[in-house]
Amino acid sequence: MKQNRRTFMKATASATAATMLSPFATLASAEQPVFPKNDQFKLLMMQTSWGFKGNIDAFCAAAKKEGYDGIEVWWPADDVKAQTELFDALKKHGLQVGFLCGGSQTNHQEHFDTFKKNLDAATANKIQKPVYINCHSGRDYFTYEQNKLFIDQTTKRSKETGVPIYHETHRGRMLFAAHITRQFIEKNPELRLTLDISHWCNVHETLLTDQKETVDIALERVDHIHSRVGHPEGPQVSDPRAPEWERALSAHIAWWDKVIERKKKKGELMTILTEFGPPDYLQTLPYTRQPVADQWAINVHMMQLLRKRYQ
């Protein structure tokens, strides 16, 4: 009798878990859009090293095993040993790479000098050309003229090297809010974006239904996506497979669909990073700090869902 009860409880728990995850699966299949056919379109799915506990070789091995095409990591700056280990791992596991570049200084000139130095090095390396550079550009409290220097520099550098360079819509950086980004877009025709729209949901405390025109303008400039799902009270939902986040997930997928439609029409490369982060982005239980979900599993799930939807 005890065994039967145990079996019943186990089966019930499994059924409950499957039911909880079903909205995500249903969304992926029932609302599959019909995109334009274009053989020139190419999709690369990238994995983040953010939160990974092992070394770079172990990370690349794990990403390759899951089916990723490449990784996105911070440019190792002046660390020659780290650069060597990175490029060795990329070659060993047959992965593409996109680099993050930025600065952290509060002084504008020092910040810009660091940014330029890292950008120049990342684009000039002779070992493996990055698929793109993603920039954490400027600061939200720099003036427009100070932040514009980052756009001017990346535009120039991209033309010199042929490496696509994008600026991320990120809190704390120059494109921290939708309406501010629109001002940069309208004044800088060559500005290209990495869309991490989860930040804007948090900044504006909405799913941006009140800024549709501005969002649509931004979507026309997007070449790279960070596929984290945010909500009005935070930049990351606890688990996008949970039913309580279906509305937020649907909003993000609708935005991403518009980018993919444009890319497929033009037959262009599309890169997507799965970037659900570790604690404290990922919520934890009080006192124990145990994460409420598995960061790696969520990112792999997003990769599989978006590859199926957009391939």
Protein backbone atom coordinates (compact mmCIF):
# COMPACT_ATOMS: atom_id res chain seq x y z
CA MET A 1 0.00 0.00 0.00
CA LYS A 2 2.89 2.35 0.86
CA GLN A 3 4.56 1.57 -2.46
CA ASN A 4 1.35 2.35 -4.35
CA ARG A 5 0.99 5.62 -2.51
CA ARG A 6 4.60 6.51 -3.26
CA THR A 7 4.10 5.66 -6.92
CA PHE A 8 0.92 7.74 -7.02
CA MET A 9 2.64 10.75 -5.45
CA LYS A 10 5.55 10.51 -7.87
CA ALA A 11 3.22 10.27 -10.86
CA THR A 12 1.14 13.19 -9.59
CA ALA A 13 4.24 15.34 -9.11
CA SER A 14 5.44 14.56 -12.63
CA ALA A 15 2.04 15.37 -14.11
CA THR A 16 1.89 18.62 -12.16
CA ALA A 17 5.35 19.62 -13.39
CA ALA A 18 4.38 18.83 -16.98
CA THR A 19 1.22 20.92 -16.63
CA MET A 20 3.18 23.85 -15.24
CA LEU A 21 5.60 23.79 -18.17
CA SER A 22 2.94 23.29 -20.83
CA PRO A 23 2.17 26.99 -21.55
CA PHE A 24 5.70 27.44 -22.89
CA ALA A 25 5.44 24.40 -25.14
CA THR A 26 1.97 25.42 -26.30
CA LEU A 27 3.13 28.92 -27.13
CA ALA A 28 6.03 27.58 -29.14
CA SER A 29 3.89 25.28 -31.28
CA ALA A 30 0.39 26.75 -31.49
CA GLU A 31 1.52 30.26 -32.41
CA GLN A 32 4.35 29.36 -34.77
CA PRO A 33 4.55 32.24 -37.27
CA VAL A 34 5.09 31.84 -41.00
CA PHE A 35 8.32 33.63 -41.85
CA PRO A 36 9.58 34.52 -45.33
CA LYS A 37 11.70 31.83 -46.98
CA ASN A 38 15.28 32.89 -47.61
CA ASP A 39 18.21 30.48 -47.92
CA GLN A 40 20.65 33.30 -47.12
CA PHE A 41 19.27 33.66 -43.59
CA LYS A 42 21.50 32.13 -40.93
CA LEU A 43 20.85 31.73 -37.21
CA LEU A 44 23.60 31.35 -34.63
CA MET A 45 22.66 30.48 -31.06
CA MET A 46 25.17 31.68 -28.45
CA GLN A 47 25.60 30.70 -24.81
CA THR A 48 26.65 33.00 -21.97
CA SER A 49 29.54 32.18 -19.62
CA TRP A 50 27.83 34.29 -16.94
CA GLY A 51 27.36 32.08 -13.91
CA PHE A 52 29.34 29.09 -15.21
CA LYS A 53 31.59 27.68 -12.49
CA GLY A 54 34.20 25.81 -14.53
CA ASN A 55 37.09 26.97 -16.71
CA ILE A 56 36.75 28.15 -20.29
CA ASP A 57 37.46 24.74 -21.80
CA ALA A 58 34.76 23.11 -19.65
CA PHE A 59 32.33 25.88 -20.58
CA CYS A 60 32.97 25.50 -24.30
CA ALA A 61 32.64 21.72 -24.04
CA ALA A 62 29.29 22.07 -22.23
CA ALA A 63 27.97 24.64 -24.73
CA LYS A 64 28.98 22.48 -27.69
CA LYS A 65 27.38 19.40 -26.15
CA GLU A 66 24.06 21.24 -25.75
CA GLY A 67 24.06 22.26 -29.42
CA TYR A 68 25.14 25.91 -29.28
CA ASP A 69 26.91 27.46 -32.25
CA GLY A 70 29.07 29.78 -30.19
CA ILE A 71 29.61 31.71 -26.99
CA GLU A 72 29.53 35.33 -25.85
CA VAL A 73 32.19 36.36 -23.34
CA TRP A 74 33.92 39.50 -22.14
CA TRP A 75 37.09 40.29 -24.07
CA PRO A 76 39.92 39.18 -21.71
CA ALA A 77 41.63 42.59 -22.02
CA ASP A 78 45.32 42.44 -21.04
CA ASP A 79 45.24 38.84 -19.80
CA VAL A 80 47.31 37.05 -22.45
CA LYS A 81 46.98 33.70 -20.70
CA ALA A 82 43.19 33.99 -20.62
CA GLN A 83 43.16 34.95 -24.30
CA THR A 84 45.24 31.90 -25.22
CA GLU A 85 43.01 29.57 -23.20
CA LEU A 86 39.90 31.08 -24.78
CA PHE A 87 41.06 30.74 -28.37
CA ASP A 88 42.38 27.23 -27.74
CA ALA A 89 38.98 26.19 -26.34
CA LEU A 90 37.09 27.79 -29.24
CA LYS A 91 39.23 25.93 -31.77
CA LYS A 92 39.07 22.64 -29.88
CA HIS A 93 35.27 22.66 -29.67
CA GLY A 94 34.53 24.35 -33.00
CA LEU A 95 32.65 27.35 -31.63
CA GLN A 96 32.07 30.90 -32.85
CA VAL A 97 32.57 33.84 -30.50
CA GLY A 98 31.05 37.24 -29.81
CA PHE A 99 32.87 39.59 -27.46
CA LEU A 100 31.52 41.97 -24.85
CA CYS A 101 33.36 45.28 -24.50
CA GLY A 102 32.75 48.11 -22.08
CA GLY A 103 34.12 50.29 -19.33
CA SER A 104 33.28 50.84 -15.68
CA GLN A 105 34.90 54.14 -14.75
CA THR A 106 32.74 57.04 -13.59
CA ASN A 107 35.00 59.57 -15.29
CA HIS A 108 33.91 59.85 -18.91
CA GLN A 109 37.37 60.16 -20.48
CA GLU A 110 38.83 57.28 -18.48
CA HIS A 111 35.76 55.19 -19.32
CA PHE A 112 36.00 55.96 -23.03
CA ASP A 113 39.75 55.26 -23.13
CA THR A 114 39.24 51.83 -21.57
CA PHE A 115 36.36 51.08 -23.91
CA LYS A 116 38.37 52.07 -26.99
CA LYS A 117 41.39 50.05 -25.91
CA ASN A 118 39.33 46.89 -25.38
CA LEU A 119 37.34 47.40 -28.58
CA ASP A 120 40.47 47.87 -30.66
CA ALA A 121 42.11 44.77 -29.21
CA ALA A 122 39.03 42.56 -29.58
CA THR A 123 38.51 43.51 -33.22
CA ALA A 124 42.22 43.35 -34.13
CA ASN A 125 43.08 39.93 -32.73
CA LYS A 126 44.52 37.68 -35.46
CA ILE A 127 43.50 34.32 -34.00
CA GLN A 128 39.71 34.23 -34.46
CA LYS A 129 37.54 36.99 -35.84
CA PRO A 130 34.49 37.56 -33.65
CA VAL A 131 31.05 37.24 -35.20
CA TYR A 132 30.20 40.54 -33.50
CA ILE A 133 31.11 42.87 -30.66
CA ASN A 134 28.39 43.69 -28.13
CA CYS A 135 29.01 46.97 -26.31
CA HIS A 136 28.07 48.00 -22.81
CA SER A 137 28.25 51.58 -23.93
CA GLY A 138 28.72 54.66 -21.76
CA ARG A 139 26.64 55.40 -18.69
CA ASP A 140 23.08 56.60 -18.14
CA TYR A 141 24.37 59.78 -16.47
CA PHE A 142 26.87 60.79 -19.17
CA THR A 143 25.67 63.58 -21.44
CA TYR A 144 24.36 62.88 -24.91
CA GLU A 145 27.57 64.26 -26.44
CA GLN A 146 29.73 62.08 -24.19
CA ASN A 147 27.78 58.94 -25.02
CA LYS A 148 27.70 59.74 -28.73
CA LEU A 149 31.48 59.34 -28.80
CA PHE A 150 31.01 55.62 -28.21
CA ILE A 151 28.74 55.35 -31.25
CA ASP A 152 31.14 57.35 -33.42
CA GLN A 153 34.05 55.17 -32.34
CA THR A 154 32.27 51.87 -32.97
CA THR A 155 30.97 53.02 -36.35
CA LYS A 156 34.50 53.92 -37.38
CA ARG A 157 36.00 50.71 -36.01
CA SER A 158 33.38 48.49 -37.65
CA LYS A 159 34.13 50.02 -41.05
CA GLU A 160 37.87 49.55 -40.51
CA THR A 161 37.66 45.89 -39.47
CA GLY A 162 34.45 44.53 -40.97
CA VAL A 163 33.33 43.31 -37.53
CA PRO A 164 29.69 44.16 -36.74
CA ILE A 165 29.48 46.21 -33.53
CA TYR A 166 26.26 46.63 -31.56
CA HIS A 167 25.20 48.70 -28.55
CA GLU A 168 23.11 46.95 -25.91
CA THR A 169 19.85 48.25 -24.46
CA HIS A 170 20.97 47.85 -20.88
CA ARG A 171 20.17 49.50 -17.55
CA GLY A 172 22.91 51.83 -16.36
CA ARG A 173 24.25 52.31 -19.89
CA MET A 174 23.47 54.95 -22.49
CA LEU A 175 20.52 52.99 -23.97
CA PHE A 176 18.93 52.29 -20.59
CA ALA A 177 15.40 53.36 -21.57
CA ALA A 178 13.20 53.17 -24.65
CA HIS A 179 12.62 56.90 -25.11
CA ILE A 180 16.33 57.71 -24.63
CA THR A 181 17.30 55.06 -27.17
CA ARG A 182 14.88 56.59 -29.66
CA GLN A 183 16.73 59.90 -29.39
CA PHE A 184 20.03 58.16 -30.18
CA ILE A 185 18.46 56.26 -33.09
CA GLU A 186 16.96 59.39 -34.64
CA LYS A 187 20.28 61.27 -34.45
CA ASN A 188 22.64 58.39 -35.35
CA PRO A 189 21.56 56.53 -38.51
CA GLU A 190 24.39 53.96 -38.30
CA LEU A 191 23.64 52.89 -34.71
CA ARG A 192 22.94 49.14 -34.48
CA LEU A 193 21.48 47.45 -31.42
CA THR A 194 21.73 44.41 -29.23
CA LEU A 195 18.18 44.07 -27.94
CA ASP A 196 17.88 43.13 -24.29
CA ILE A 197 14.38 44.49 -23.90
CA SER A 198 13.97 42.90 -20.47
CA HIS A 199 15.79 45.98 -19.11
CA TRP A 200 13.24 48.36 -20.59
CA CYS A 201 10.35 46.40 -19.08
CA ASN A 202 11.99 46.91 -15.69
CA VAL A 203 12.92 50.58 -16.24
CA HIS A 204 9.44 51.57 -17.44
CA GLU A 205 7.55 49.16 -15.15
CA THR A 206 5.44 47.98 -18.08
CA LEU A 207 5.48 45.51 -20.94
CA LEU A 208 5.88 48.63 -23.09
CA THR A 209 2.39 48.64 -24.58
CA ASP A 210 2.38 52.40 -24.06
CA GLN A 211 5.53 52.85 -26.19
CA LYS A 212 4.77 50.65 -29.19
CA GLU A 213 5.93 53.17 -31.79
CA THR A 214 9.26 53.67 -30.03
CA VAL A 215 9.79 49.93 -29.61
CA ASP A 216 9.01 49.31 -33.28
CA ILE A 217 11.57 51.93 -34.29
CA ALA A 218 14.18 50.22 -32.11
CA LEU A 219 13.38 46.77 -33.51
CA GLU A 220 14.37 47.99 -36.97
CA ARG A 221 17.93 48.55 -35.70
CA VAL A 222 18.40 45.19 -33.96
CA ASP A 223 21.04 42.72 -35.19
CA HIS A 224 21.60 40.69 -32.02
CA ILE A 225 19.24 39.56 -29.26
CA HIS A 226 19.76 38.74 -25.62
CA SER A 227 16.81 36.42 -25.05
CA ARG A 228 16.15 36.99 -21.37
CA VAL A 229 12.53 37.58 -20.35
CA GLY A 230 11.87 40.52 -18.05
CA HIS A 231 8.74 41.90 -16.41
CA PRO A 232 7.55 45.22 -14.98
CA GLU A 233 9.21 44.62 -11.63
CA GLY A 234 12.47 43.03 -12.70
CA PRO A 235 14.85 42.18 -15.58
CA GLN A 236 14.41 38.41 -15.24
CA VAL A 237 11.41 36.20 -14.56
CA SER A 238 12.08 33.31 -12.20
CA ASP A 239 11.43 30.65 -14.85
CA PRO A 240 9.94 31.46 -18.28
CA ARG A 241 8.33 27.99 -18.39
CA ALA A 242 6.10 28.79 -15.42
CA PRO A 243 2.49 29.72 -16.30
CA GLU A 244 2.51 32.94 -14.29
CA TRP A 245 5.01 34.41 -16.76
CA GLU A 246 3.15 33.51 -19.95
CA ARG A 247 2.13 37.13 -20.66
CA ALA A 248 5.70 38.41 -20.28
CA LEU A 249 7.07 35.57 -22.39
CA SER A 250 4.50 36.19 -25.13
CA ALA A 251 5.42 39.88 -25.25
CA HIS A 252 9.13 39.14 -25.66
CA ILE A 253 8.59 36.50 -28.33
CA ALA A 254 6.38 38.93 -30.28
CA TRP A 255 9.23 41.48 -30.24
CA TRP A 256 11.80 38.89 -31.28
CA ASP A 257 9.52 37.60 -34.05
CA LYS A 258 9.55 41.05 -35.67
CA VAL A 259 13.34 41.09 -35.75
CA ILE A 260 13.50 37.60 -37.22
CA GLU A 261 10.93 38.45 -39.89
CA ARG A 262 13.05 41.39 -41.05
CA LYS A 263 16.25 39.33 -40.98
CA LYS A 264 14.68 36.52 -42.99
CA LYS A 265 13.31 38.93 -45.58
CA LYS A 266 16.79 40.37 -46.07
CA GLY A 267 18.61 37.04 -45.81
CA GLU A 268 20.92 38.26 -43.06
CA LEU A 269 22.77 36.66 -40.17
CA MET A 270 20.90 36.61 -36.84
CA THR A 271 22.65 35.94 -33.55
CA ILE A 272 20.80 35.19 -30.31
CA LEU A 273 22.34 34.85 -26.87
CA THR A 274 20.48 32.92 -24.18
CA GLU A 275 21.22 35.09 -21.15
CA PHE A 276 19.21 34.12 -18.12
CA GLY A 277 21.62 34.93 -15.33
CA PRO A 278 22.67 33.41 -12.00
CA PRO A 279 21.83 34.88 -8.56
CA ASP A 280 21.11 37.69 -7.92
CA TYR A 281 19.44 37.93 -11.30
CA LEU A 282 18.00 34.51 -10.60
CA GLN A 283 15.76 34.68 -7.53
CA THR A 284 16.77 32.72 -4.43
CA LEU A 285 15.08 31.46 -1.29
CA PRO A 286 15.59 33.65 1.80
CA TYR A 287 18.37 32.67 4.20
CA THR A 288 19.54 29.64 2.17
CA ARG A 289 20.17 31.57 -1.08
CA GLN A 290 19.16 28.47 -2.99
CA PRO A 291 18.21 29.42 -6.58
CA VAL A 292 14.55 28.83 -7.40
CA ALA A 293 15.38 27.41 -10.84
CA ASP A 294 18.27 25.96 -12.86
CA GLN A 295 19.96 28.74 -14.84
CA TRP A 296 21.73 26.44 -17.30
CA ALA A 297 18.60 24.38 -17.97
CA ILE A 298 16.54 27.52 -18.64
CA ASN A 299 19.10 28.85 -21.13
CA VAL A 300 19.28 25.51 -22.94
CA HIS A 301 15.48 25.40 -23.06
CA MET A 302 15.39 28.90 -24.56
CA MET A 303 18.01 27.91 -27.13
CA GLN A 304 16.04 24.86 -28.19
CA LEU A 305 12.74 26.74 -28.36
CA LEU A 306 14.10 29.66 -30.36
CA ARG A 307 16.11 27.47 -32.72
CA LYS A 308 12.97 25.46 -33.50
CA ARG A 309 10.95 28.66 -33.95
CA TYR A 310 13.44 30.59 -36.06
CA GLN A 311 15.67 28.09 -37.88
